[in-house]
Amino acid sequence: MAGLSLGVGAYGAGSLPTAANSPTGTTIGQKAFGITAGQPAAGPRTAGYGTMIAGAAGALLLAWLWWTLPR
């Protein structure tokens, strides 16, 4: 799990967490999760269309199964 070996606190390696606005050192978030100031690149804008089509196709498949299976 992330953050278990940060080495901070009374039983850590003796390093204290630095402030988020400090120009030197890394913060707890950066050490644990690799959080940076930049925004990661997003996927294509059409990814939502594929998600909606897959959901609608799944719903249509379930409806077709419901009406075609013998009762």
C-alpha atoms as a PDB file:
ATOM      1  CA  MET A   1       0.000   0.000   0.000  1.00  0.00           C
ATOM      2  CA  ALA A   2       1.207   3.469  -0.821  1.00  0.00           C
ATOM      3  CA  GLY A   3       2.360   5.598   2.039  1.00  0.00           C
ATOM      4  CA  LEU A   4       3.379   2.873   4.483  1.00  0.00           C
ATOM      5  CA  SER A   5       7.108   3.459   4.092  1.00  0.00           C
ATOM      6  CA  LEU A   6       7.217   7.241   3.984  1.00  0.00           C
ATOM      7  CA  GLY A   7       9.660   7.484   6.867  1.00  0.00           C
ATOM      8  CA  VAL A   8       7.928  10.356   8.674  1.00  0.00           C
ATOM      9  CA  GLY A   9       6.767  10.728  12.218  1.00  0.00           C
ATOM     10  CA  ALA A  10       8.205   9.609  15.548  1.00  0.00           C
ATOM     11  CA  TYR A  11       9.207   6.156  14.333  1.00  0.00           C
ATOM     12  CA  GLY A  12      10.258   7.169  10.815  1.00  0.00           C
ATOM     13  CA  ALA A  13      13.666   7.896   9.382  1.00  0.00           C
ATOM     14  CA  GLY A  14      13.769  11.280  11.085  1.00  0.00           C
ATOM     15  CA  SER A  15      12.632  13.403   8.146  1.00  0.00           C
ATOM     16  CA  LEU A  16       9.695  15.695   8.752  1.00  0.00           C
ATOM     17  CA  PRO A  17       7.099  16.424   6.076  1.00  0.00           C
ATOM     18  CA  THR A  18       7.638  19.657   4.187  1.00  0.00           C
ATOM     19  CA  ALA A  19       4.965  22.194   3.419  1.00  0.00           C
ATOM     20  CA  ALA A  20       3.184  22.015   0.082  1.00  0.00           C
ATOM     21  CA  ASN A  21       4.389  25.482  -0.892  1.00  0.00           C
ATOM     22  CA  SER A  22       7.998  24.809   0.058  1.00  0.00           C
ATOM     23  CA  PRO A  23      10.384  25.090  -2.913  1.00  0.00           C
ATOM     24  CA  THR A  24      12.652  22.319  -1.610  1.00  0.00           C
ATOM     25  CA  GLY A  25      11.891  18.759  -0.644  1.00  0.00           C
ATOM     26  CA  THR A  26       8.894  16.625  -1.456  1.00  0.00           C
ATOM     27  CA  THR A  27       5.516  16.622   0.211  1.00  0.00           C
ATOM     28  CA  ILE A  28       3.770  13.594   1.660  1.00  0.00           C
ATOM     29  CA  GLY A  29       1.498  13.387  -1.394  1.00  0.00           C
ATOM     30  CA  GLN A  30       4.477  13.406  -3.754  1.00  0.00           C
ATOM     31  CA  LYS A  31       6.285  10.710  -1.777  1.00  0.00           C
ATOM     32  CA  ALA A  32       3.263   8.453  -1.458  1.00  0.00           C
ATOM     33  CA  PHE A  33       1.451   8.867  -4.749  1.00  0.00           C
ATOM     34  CA  GLY A  34       3.787  10.756  -7.085  1.00  0.00           C
ATOM     35  CA  ILE A  35       1.470  13.764  -7.210  1.00  0.00           C
ATOM     36  CA  THR A  36       2.838  16.528  -9.407  1.00  0.00           C
ATOM     37  CA  ALA A  37       1.664  20.041 -10.180  1.00  0.00           C
ATOM     38  CA  GLY A  38       0.946  19.303 -13.845  1.00  0.00           C
ATOM     39  CA  GLN A  39      -2.306  17.948 -15.224  1.00  0.00           C
ATOM     40  CA  PRO A  40      -1.956  14.573 -16.966  1.00  0.00           C
ATOM     41  CA  ALA A  41      -3.000  14.386 -20.586  1.00  0.00           C
ATOM     42  CA  ALA A  42      -6.623  13.367 -21.004  1.00  0.00           C
ATOM     43  CA  GLY A  43      -7.839  10.779 -23.474  1.00  0.00           C
ATOM     44  CA  PRO A  44      -9.645  11.542 -26.706  1.00  0.00           C
ATOM     45  CA  ARG A  45     -12.858  13.571 -26.522  1.00  0.00           C
ATOM     46  CA  THR A  46     -14.785  10.779 -28.248  1.00  0.00           C
ATOM     47  CA  ALA A  47     -14.158   8.220 -25.511  1.00  0.00           C
ATOM     48  CA  GLY A  48     -17.552   9.016 -23.965  1.00  0.00           C
ATOM     49  CA  TYR A  49     -19.317   8.009 -27.185  1.00  0.00           C
ATOM     50  CA  GLY A  50     -17.825   4.522 -27.046  1.00  0.00           C
ATOM     51  CA  THR A  51     -18.825   4.177 -23.412  1.00  0.00           C
ATOM     52  CA  MET A  52     -22.402   5.187 -24.129  1.00  0.00           C
ATOM     53  CA  ILE A  53     -22.634   2.888 -27.166  1.00  0.00           C
ATOM     54  CA  ALA A  54     -21.287  -0.055 -25.148  1.00  0.00           C
ATOM     55  CA  GLY A  55     -23.794   0.628 -22.353  1.00  0.00           C
ATOM     56  CA  ALA A  56     -26.712   0.926 -24.774  1.00  0.00           C
ATOM     57  CA  ALA A  57     -25.655  -2.252 -26.595  1.00  0.00           C
ATOM     58  CA  GLY A  58     -25.494  -4.097 -23.267  1.00  0.00           C
ATOM     59  CA  ALA A  59     -28.941  -2.846 -22.279  1.00  0.00           C
ATOM     60  CA  LEU A  60     -30.363  -3.878 -25.662  1.00  0.00           C
ATOM     61  CA  LEU A  61     -28.776  -7.320 -25.324  1.00  0.00           C
ATOM     62  CA  LEU A  62     -30.296  -7.788 -21.872  1.00  0.00           C
ATOM     63  CA  ALA A  63     -33.716  -6.652 -23.104  1.00  0.00           C
ATOM     64  CA  TRP A  64     -33.490  -9.034 -26.072  1.00  0.00           C
ATOM     65  CA  LEU A  65     -32.569 -11.926 -23.754  1.00  0.00           C
ATOM     66  CA  TRP A  66     -35.459 -11.053 -21.425  1.00  0.00           C
ATOM     67  CA  TRP A  67     -38.035 -11.156 -24.195  1.00  0.00           C
ATOM     68  CA  THR A  68     -36.661 -14.143 -26.155  1.00  0.00           C
ATOM     69  CA  LEU A  69     -36.006 -16.686 -23.398  1.00  0.00           C
ATOM     70  CA  PRO A  70     -38.850 -19.099 -22.663  1.00  0.00           C
ATOM     71  CA  ARG A  71     -40.829 -18.497 -19.521  1.00  0.00           C
END
